[in-house]
N, C-alpha and C. Protein backbone atom coordinates (compact mmCIF):
# COMPACT_ATOMS: atom_id res chain seq x y z
N UNK A 1 42.14 48.49 -7.07
CA UNK A 1 42.93 48.81 -8.23
C UNK A 1 44.16 47.90 -8.23
N UNK A 2 44.27 47.09 -9.22
CA UNK A 2 45.37 46.15 -9.31
C UNK A 2 46.32 46.59 -10.42
N UNK A 3 47.61 46.56 -10.11
CA UNK A 3 48.59 46.87 -11.15
C UNK A 3 49.41 45.62 -11.41
N UNK A 4 49.65 45.38 -12.66
CA UNK A 4 50.47 44.23 -13.01
C UNK A 4 51.78 44.73 -13.59
N UNK A 5 52.84 44.08 -13.22
CA UNK A 5 54.16 44.46 -13.74
C UNK A 5 54.26 43.96 -15.18
N UNK A 6 54.55 44.87 -16.06
CA UNK A 6 54.69 44.51 -17.46
C UNK A 6 56.15 44.53 -17.84
N UNK A 7 56.55 43.57 -18.60
CA UNK A 7 57.93 43.54 -19.08
C UNK A 7 58.07 44.40 -20.30
N UNK A 8 59.26 44.41 -20.87
CA UNK A 8 59.48 45.21 -22.07
C UNK A 8 58.69 44.68 -23.26
N UNK A 9 58.35 45.58 -24.16
CA UNK A 9 57.60 45.18 -25.35
C UNK A 9 58.53 44.41 -26.30
N UNK A 10 57.94 43.77 -27.26
CA UNK A 10 58.71 43.03 -28.26
C UNK A 10 59.65 43.98 -29.01
N UNK A 11 59.17 45.17 -29.29
CA UNK A 11 59.99 46.15 -30.00
C UNK A 11 61.18 46.60 -29.15
N UNK A 12 60.95 46.84 -27.86
CA UNK A 12 62.06 47.21 -26.97
C UNK A 12 63.12 46.12 -26.94
N UNK A 13 62.68 44.87 -26.85
CA UNK A 13 63.62 43.75 -26.83
C UNK A 13 64.42 43.67 -28.13
N UNK A 14 63.73 43.84 -29.25
CA UNK A 14 64.37 43.76 -30.56
C UNK A 14 65.38 44.89 -30.74
N UNK A 15 64.99 46.12 -30.39
CA UNK A 15 65.89 47.27 -30.52
C UNK A 15 67.08 47.11 -29.57
N UNK A 16 66.84 46.66 -28.36
CA UNK A 16 67.93 46.44 -27.40
C UNK A 16 68.94 45.43 -27.91
N UNK A 17 68.44 44.37 -28.51
CA UNK A 17 69.34 43.34 -29.04
C UNK A 17 70.14 43.87 -30.23
N UNK A 18 69.51 44.67 -31.07
CA UNK A 18 70.23 45.28 -32.20
C UNK A 18 71.32 46.23 -31.71
N UNK A 19 71.00 47.02 -30.71
CA UNK A 19 71.99 47.94 -30.14
C UNK A 19 73.16 47.14 -29.56
N UNK A 20 72.85 46.05 -28.87
CA UNK A 20 73.89 45.20 -28.28
C UNK A 20 74.84 44.71 -29.37
N UNK A 21 74.28 44.28 -30.49
CA UNK A 21 75.10 43.78 -31.60
C UNK A 21 75.97 44.90 -32.19
N UNK A 22 75.41 46.08 -32.36
CA UNK A 22 76.16 47.20 -32.94
C UNK A 22 77.33 47.57 -32.03
N UNK A 23 77.07 47.69 -30.73
CA UNK A 23 78.13 48.06 -29.78
C UNK A 23 79.19 46.97 -29.71
N UNK A 24 78.76 45.72 -29.65
CA UNK A 24 79.72 44.61 -29.59
C UNK A 24 80.60 44.57 -30.84
N UNK A 25 80.00 44.80 -32.00
CA UNK A 25 80.77 44.82 -33.25
C UNK A 25 81.80 45.94 -33.23
N UNK A 26 81.39 47.12 -32.76
CA UNK A 26 82.31 48.26 -32.70
C UNK A 26 83.48 47.97 -31.77
N UNK A 27 83.21 47.33 -30.64
CA UNK A 27 84.27 46.98 -29.70
C UNK A 27 85.18 45.90 -30.29
N UNK A 28 84.58 44.93 -30.94
CA UNK A 28 85.33 43.82 -31.52
C UNK A 28 86.29 44.31 -32.62
N UNK A 29 85.80 45.22 -33.44
CA UNK A 29 86.62 45.72 -34.56
C UNK A 29 87.65 46.76 -34.11
N UNK A 30 87.51 47.26 -32.89
CA UNK A 30 88.44 48.29 -32.41
C UNK A 30 88.17 49.65 -33.02
N UNK A 31 86.91 49.93 -33.34
CA UNK A 31 86.54 51.20 -33.98
C UNK A 31 86.77 52.42 -33.08
N UNK A 32 86.89 52.23 -31.79
CA UNK A 32 86.92 53.36 -30.87
C UNK A 32 88.32 53.91 -30.62
N UNK A 33 89.34 53.15 -30.91
CA UNK A 33 90.73 53.60 -30.74
C UNK A 33 90.97 54.12 -29.32
N UNK A 34 90.57 53.34 -28.35
CA UNK A 34 90.78 53.68 -26.95
C UNK A 34 91.70 52.62 -26.34
N UNK A 35 92.74 53.07 -25.66
CA UNK A 35 93.75 52.16 -25.11
C UNK A 35 93.13 51.12 -24.18
N UNK A 36 92.22 51.53 -23.33
CA UNK A 36 91.59 50.60 -22.38
C UNK A 36 90.73 49.59 -23.13
N UNK A 37 89.90 50.07 -24.03
CA UNK A 37 88.98 49.18 -24.75
C UNK A 37 89.71 48.28 -25.74
N UNK A 38 90.90 48.69 -26.16
CA UNK A 38 91.68 47.84 -27.06
C UNK A 38 92.40 46.72 -26.32
N UNK A 39 92.62 46.90 -25.00
CA UNK A 39 93.41 45.91 -24.25
C UNK A 39 92.59 45.03 -23.32
N UNK A 40 91.36 45.42 -23.00
CA UNK A 40 90.54 44.64 -22.08
C UNK A 40 89.33 44.08 -22.83
N UNK A 41 89.18 42.75 -22.86
CA UNK A 41 87.98 42.17 -23.50
C UNK A 41 86.71 42.57 -22.72
N UNK A 42 85.70 43.01 -23.44
CA UNK A 42 84.46 43.51 -22.83
C UNK A 42 83.28 42.73 -23.37
N UNK A 43 82.36 42.39 -22.48
CA UNK A 43 81.12 41.72 -22.86
C UNK A 43 79.96 42.67 -22.63
N UNK A 44 79.13 42.83 -23.64
CA UNK A 44 77.87 43.57 -23.50
C UNK A 44 76.80 42.50 -23.36
N UNK A 45 76.37 42.25 -22.13
CA UNK A 45 75.47 41.12 -21.90
C UNK A 45 74.01 41.43 -22.24
N UNK A 46 73.63 42.69 -22.08
CA UNK A 46 72.22 43.04 -22.34
C UNK A 46 72.12 44.54 -22.55
N UNK A 47 71.15 44.94 -23.35
CA UNK A 47 70.83 46.36 -23.49
C UNK A 47 69.33 46.50 -23.27
N UNK A 48 68.97 47.32 -22.30
CA UNK A 48 67.55 47.58 -22.01
C UNK A 48 67.20 48.96 -22.53
N UNK A 49 66.10 49.02 -23.25
CA UNK A 49 65.68 50.26 -23.90
C UNK A 49 64.42 50.76 -23.22
N UNK A 50 64.33 52.08 -23.04
CA UNK A 50 63.15 52.68 -22.43
C UNK A 50 61.95 52.51 -23.37
N UNK A 51 60.73 52.60 -22.83
CA UNK A 51 59.54 52.42 -23.68
C UNK A 51 59.46 53.39 -24.86
N UNK A 52 59.99 54.61 -24.69
CA UNK A 52 59.96 55.57 -25.81
C UNK A 52 61.15 55.41 -26.75
N UNK A 53 62.02 54.44 -26.49
CA UNK A 53 63.19 54.11 -27.30
C UNK A 53 64.22 55.24 -27.37
N UNK A 54 64.19 56.16 -26.42
CA UNK A 54 65.13 57.29 -26.43
C UNK A 54 66.35 57.06 -25.55
N UNK A 55 66.27 56.10 -24.64
CA UNK A 55 67.38 55.82 -23.72
C UNK A 55 67.66 54.32 -23.71
N UNK A 56 68.93 53.99 -23.68
CA UNK A 56 69.32 52.59 -23.65
C UNK A 56 70.41 52.41 -22.59
N UNK A 57 70.24 51.39 -21.76
CA UNK A 57 71.23 51.06 -20.74
C UNK A 57 71.90 49.77 -21.13
N UNK A 58 73.22 49.84 -21.32
CA UNK A 58 73.99 48.65 -21.68
C UNK A 58 74.66 48.09 -20.43
N UNK A 59 74.46 46.80 -20.19
CA UNK A 59 75.07 46.12 -19.06
C UNK A 59 76.38 45.51 -19.53
N UNK A 60 77.46 45.89 -18.87
CA UNK A 60 78.81 45.61 -19.34
C UNK A 60 79.60 44.84 -18.28
N UNK A 61 80.47 43.94 -18.74
CA UNK A 61 81.41 43.28 -17.84
C UNK A 61 82.70 43.05 -18.60
N UNK A 62 83.81 43.34 -17.93
CA UNK A 62 85.12 43.04 -18.52
C UNK A 62 85.47 41.60 -18.18
N UNK A 63 86.36 41.02 -18.95
CA UNK A 63 86.75 39.64 -18.73
C UNK A 63 87.35 39.50 -17.33
N UNK A 64 86.75 38.65 -16.53
CA UNK A 64 87.23 38.43 -15.17
C UNK A 64 86.93 39.59 -14.24
N UNK A 65 86.21 40.59 -14.71
CA UNK A 65 85.89 41.75 -13.88
C UNK A 65 87.07 42.69 -13.66
N UNK A 66 88.18 42.46 -14.38
CA UNK A 66 89.37 43.30 -14.19
C UNK A 66 89.18 44.66 -14.86
N UNK A 67 89.67 45.67 -14.17
CA UNK A 67 89.67 47.05 -14.68
C UNK A 67 88.28 47.51 -15.11
N UNK A 68 87.25 47.04 -14.44
CA UNK A 68 85.87 47.37 -14.84
C UNK A 68 85.61 48.87 -14.76
N UNK A 69 86.12 49.53 -13.72
CA UNK A 69 85.92 50.98 -13.61
C UNK A 69 86.53 51.72 -14.79
N UNK A 70 87.72 51.29 -15.21
CA UNK A 70 88.38 51.91 -16.35
C UNK A 70 87.58 51.66 -17.63
N UNK A 71 87.03 50.46 -17.76
CA UNK A 71 86.23 50.11 -18.95
C UNK A 71 84.98 50.99 -19.00
N UNK A 72 84.29 51.14 -17.88
CA UNK A 72 83.08 51.96 -17.85
C UNK A 72 83.41 53.42 -18.17
N UNK A 73 84.53 53.89 -17.65
CA UNK A 73 84.95 55.26 -17.93
C UNK A 73 85.26 55.43 -19.42
N UNK A 74 85.96 54.45 -20.00
CA UNK A 74 86.30 54.51 -21.42
C UNK A 74 85.04 54.45 -22.29
N UNK A 75 84.10 53.63 -21.92
CA UNK A 75 82.84 53.56 -22.68
C UNK A 75 82.09 54.89 -22.58
N UNK A 76 82.12 55.50 -21.40
CA UNK A 76 81.49 56.81 -21.23
C UNK A 76 82.14 57.86 -22.12
N UNK A 77 83.48 57.83 -22.19
CA UNK A 77 84.21 58.77 -23.05
C UNK A 77 83.86 58.58 -24.52
N UNK A 78 83.58 57.34 -24.89
CA UNK A 78 83.33 57.02 -26.30
C UNK A 78 81.86 56.81 -26.62
N UNK A 79 80.99 57.18 -25.70
CA UNK A 79 79.55 56.98 -25.91
C UNK A 79 79.06 57.70 -27.16
N UNK A 80 79.61 58.87 -27.45
CA UNK A 80 79.19 59.62 -28.63
C UNK A 80 79.43 58.82 -29.91
N UNK A 81 80.58 58.16 -29.98
CA UNK A 81 80.91 57.38 -31.18
C UNK A 81 79.98 56.16 -31.29
N UNK A 82 79.70 55.56 -30.15
CA UNK A 82 78.79 54.40 -30.16
C UNK A 82 77.36 54.83 -30.48
N UNK A 83 76.94 56.00 -29.96
CA UNK A 83 75.62 56.53 -30.31
C UNK A 83 75.53 56.76 -31.82
N UNK A 84 76.60 57.28 -32.39
CA UNK A 84 76.65 57.55 -33.83
C UNK A 84 76.55 56.24 -34.62
N UNK A 85 77.27 55.21 -34.17
CA UNK A 85 77.22 53.91 -34.85
C UNK A 85 75.82 53.30 -34.77
N UNK A 86 75.18 53.46 -33.61
CA UNK A 86 73.81 52.94 -33.44
C UNK A 86 72.86 53.70 -34.36
N UNK A 87 73.00 55.02 -34.42
CA UNK A 87 72.11 55.84 -35.27
C UNK A 87 72.24 55.46 -36.74
N UNK A 88 73.49 55.19 -37.19
CA UNK A 88 73.71 54.79 -38.58
C UNK A 88 73.11 53.42 -38.87
N UNK A 89 73.23 52.53 -37.90
CA UNK A 89 72.85 51.14 -38.11
C UNK A 89 71.34 50.90 -37.99
N UNK A 90 70.72 51.56 -37.04
CA UNK A 90 69.28 51.37 -36.82
C UNK A 90 68.51 52.51 -37.45
N UNK A 91 67.46 52.18 -38.11
CA UNK A 91 66.64 53.21 -38.76
C UNK A 91 65.47 53.54 -37.85
N UNK A 92 65.77 54.38 -36.85
CA UNK A 92 64.75 54.81 -35.90
C UNK A 92 64.55 56.32 -36.02
N UNK A 93 63.40 56.78 -35.58
CA UNK A 93 63.13 58.21 -35.61
C UNK A 93 64.14 58.95 -34.71
N UNK A 94 64.37 58.40 -33.51
CA UNK A 94 65.34 58.97 -32.58
C UNK A 94 66.36 57.90 -32.23
N UNK A 95 67.60 58.31 -32.17
CA UNK A 95 68.65 57.37 -31.76
C UNK A 95 68.73 57.37 -30.24
N UNK A 96 68.68 56.20 -29.62
CA UNK A 96 68.72 56.15 -28.16
C UNK A 96 70.07 56.64 -27.61
N UNK A 97 70.02 57.32 -26.49
CA UNK A 97 71.21 57.75 -25.79
C UNK A 97 71.71 56.58 -24.95
N UNK A 98 72.96 56.20 -25.15
CA UNK A 98 73.53 55.04 -24.46
C UNK A 98 74.10 55.42 -23.10
N UNK A 99 73.87 54.54 -22.14
CA UNK A 99 74.47 54.65 -20.81
C UNK A 99 75.04 53.27 -20.49
N UNK A 100 76.22 53.23 -19.89
CA UNK A 100 76.88 51.97 -19.60
C UNK A 100 77.00 51.77 -18.09
N UNK A 101 76.57 50.58 -17.62
CA UNK A 101 76.71 50.25 -16.20
C UNK A 101 77.26 48.83 -16.07
N UNK A 102 77.84 48.56 -14.92
CA UNK A 102 78.37 47.22 -14.64
C UNK A 102 77.21 46.23 -14.53
N UNK A 103 77.38 45.06 -15.10
CA UNK A 103 76.34 44.03 -15.08
C UNK A 103 76.39 43.29 -13.74
N UNK A 104 75.34 43.41 -12.93
CA UNK A 104 75.34 42.73 -11.63
C UNK A 104 75.03 41.23 -11.71
N UNK A 105 74.60 40.75 -12.85
CA UNK A 105 74.19 39.34 -12.94
C UNK A 105 75.36 38.39 -12.73
N UNK A 106 76.58 38.80 -13.08
CA UNK A 106 77.74 37.94 -12.87
C UNK A 106 78.00 37.74 -11.38
N UNK A 107 77.86 38.81 -10.60
CA UNK A 107 78.04 38.70 -9.15
C UNK A 107 76.94 37.85 -8.53
N UNK A 108 75.71 38.03 -9.02
CA UNK A 108 74.59 37.24 -8.51
C UNK A 108 74.79 35.75 -8.80
N UNK A 109 75.27 35.44 -9.99
CA UNK A 109 75.52 34.05 -10.36
C UNK A 109 76.62 33.44 -9.48
N UNK A 110 77.66 34.22 -9.20
CA UNK A 110 78.73 33.74 -8.32
C UNK A 110 78.21 33.49 -6.92
N UNK A 111 77.34 34.37 -6.44
CA UNK A 111 76.77 34.20 -5.10
C UNK A 111 75.92 32.93 -5.04
N UNK A 112 75.08 32.71 -6.04
CA UNK A 112 74.23 31.52 -6.08
C UNK A 112 75.09 30.26 -6.13
N UNK A 113 76.14 30.30 -6.93
CA UNK A 113 77.05 29.17 -7.03
C UNK A 113 77.70 28.86 -5.68
N UNK A 114 78.14 29.91 -4.97
CA UNK A 114 78.77 29.68 -3.67
C UNK A 114 77.77 29.13 -2.66
N UNK A 115 76.52 29.58 -2.72
CA UNK A 115 75.50 29.04 -1.81
C UNK A 115 75.25 27.56 -2.10
N UNK A 116 75.17 27.21 -3.37
CA UNK A 116 74.91 25.81 -3.74
C UNK A 116 76.08 24.89 -3.37
N UNK A 117 77.26 25.44 -3.23
CA UNK A 117 78.43 24.63 -2.89
C UNK A 117 78.60 24.43 -1.38
N UNK A 118 77.80 25.11 -0.57
CA UNK A 118 77.89 24.95 0.88
C UNK A 118 77.53 23.51 1.25
N UNK A 119 78.24 22.93 2.23
CA UNK A 119 77.99 21.53 2.62
C UNK A 119 76.55 21.27 3.06
N UNK A 120 75.96 22.18 3.83
CA UNK A 120 74.59 21.96 4.30
C UNK A 120 73.58 22.00 3.16
N UNK A 121 73.82 22.82 2.15
CA UNK A 121 72.92 22.87 1.00
C UNK A 121 73.09 21.61 0.16
N UNK A 122 74.33 21.20 -0.07
CA UNK A 122 74.58 19.97 -0.83
C UNK A 122 73.93 18.78 -0.13
N UNK A 123 74.02 18.73 1.19
CA UNK A 123 73.40 17.65 1.96
C UNK A 123 71.88 17.66 1.77
N UNK A 124 71.27 18.84 1.86
CA UNK A 124 69.82 18.94 1.70
C UNK A 124 69.39 18.57 0.28
N UNK A 125 70.18 18.97 -0.70
CA UNK A 125 69.84 18.63 -2.08
C UNK A 125 69.96 17.13 -2.34
N UNK A 126 70.92 16.48 -1.68
CA UNK A 126 71.11 15.04 -1.85
C UNK A 126 69.94 14.26 -1.26
N UNK A 127 69.32 14.77 -0.21
CA UNK A 127 68.19 14.08 0.44
C UNK A 127 66.92 14.16 -0.39
N UNK A 128 66.78 15.24 -1.15
CA UNK A 128 65.55 15.51 -1.88
C UNK A 128 65.39 14.54 -3.05
N UNK A 129 64.21 13.89 -3.17
CA UNK A 129 63.99 12.99 -4.31
C UNK A 129 63.89 13.81 -5.59
N UNK A 130 64.35 13.23 -6.67
CA UNK A 130 64.26 13.92 -7.95
C UNK A 130 62.82 13.88 -8.45
N UNK A 131 62.49 14.73 -9.40
CA UNK A 131 61.12 14.80 -9.94
C UNK A 131 60.74 13.48 -10.60
N UNK A 132 61.68 12.81 -11.22
CA UNK A 132 61.40 11.52 -11.87
C UNK A 132 61.03 10.46 -10.86
N UNK A 133 61.65 10.47 -9.66
CA UNK A 133 61.34 9.50 -8.61
C UNK A 133 59.91 9.66 -8.13
N UNK A 134 59.44 10.89 -8.00
CA UNK A 134 58.08 11.13 -7.53
C UNK A 134 57.07 10.60 -8.54
N UNK A 135 57.33 10.76 -9.82
CA UNK A 135 56.42 10.24 -10.84
C UNK A 135 56.37 8.72 -10.79
N UNK A 136 57.53 8.09 -10.58
CA UNK A 136 57.57 6.63 -10.50
C UNK A 136 56.76 6.13 -9.31
N UNK A 137 56.85 6.84 -8.16
CA UNK A 137 56.11 6.44 -6.97
C UNK A 137 54.60 6.54 -7.23
N UNK A 138 54.16 7.61 -7.91
CA UNK A 138 52.74 7.78 -8.22
C UNK A 138 52.25 6.67 -9.13
N UNK A 139 53.07 6.32 -10.12
CA UNK A 139 52.68 5.25 -11.05
C UNK A 139 52.59 3.93 -10.31
N UNK A 140 53.53 3.64 -9.38
CA UNK A 140 53.48 2.41 -8.60
C UNK A 140 52.23 2.36 -7.73
N UNK A 141 51.85 3.49 -7.13
CA UNK A 141 50.67 3.54 -6.28
C UNK A 141 49.41 3.26 -7.10
N UNK A 142 49.34 3.84 -8.31
CA UNK A 142 48.19 3.60 -9.18
C UNK A 142 48.10 2.13 -9.56
N UNK A 143 49.25 1.51 -9.86
CA UNK A 143 49.26 0.11 -10.26
C UNK A 143 48.82 -0.78 -9.10
N UNK A 144 49.25 -0.47 -7.87
CA UNK A 144 48.88 -1.26 -6.70
C UNK A 144 47.39 -1.20 -6.43
N UNK A 145 46.77 -0.02 -6.69
CA UNK A 145 45.35 0.14 -6.45
C UNK A 145 44.51 -0.34 -7.61
N UNK A 146 45.17 -0.75 -8.68
CA UNK A 146 44.44 -1.22 -9.84
C UNK A 146 43.84 -0.09 -10.64
N UNK A 147 44.27 1.13 -10.32
CA UNK A 147 43.73 2.31 -11.00
C UNK A 147 44.45 2.54 -12.31
N UNK A 148 43.91 3.44 -13.06
CA UNK A 148 44.50 3.82 -14.32
C UNK A 148 45.07 5.21 -14.18
N UNK A 149 46.18 5.45 -14.81
CA UNK A 149 46.81 6.77 -14.77
C UNK A 149 45.91 7.82 -15.38
N UNK A 150 46.13 9.07 -15.05
CA UNK A 150 45.30 10.16 -15.53
C UNK A 150 45.47 10.44 -16.96
């Protein structure tokens, strides 16, 4: 019995992106009248929707990661207003319940960047021939043998 990991459906992706736009617009316009959300720039990087479209998880990051706990708390306090905005904007049978969590992708990107900046990694990357060099070597070998390229 083999199981294959399936990603989100096209509809889940579309609904998630629409929710992201609605929430971002509400934050941008200052519709929530929350002191924290009015003073800290917030990015909604992604919204993942459950297969039944009843739950949505919004991945959030504040600018520079400052006051992220306060931002998440403020979003939690105002989730009802954002749920209402989503329900008005999207014409779905059920309006998804929003949950907000910190986006880990920013930390992962910083970690990858720091690894790539290590001297030993930079040294190893400098030694490695580029993909274009390998193609040139193959073409030279074919020409030396009098062969024709594929």
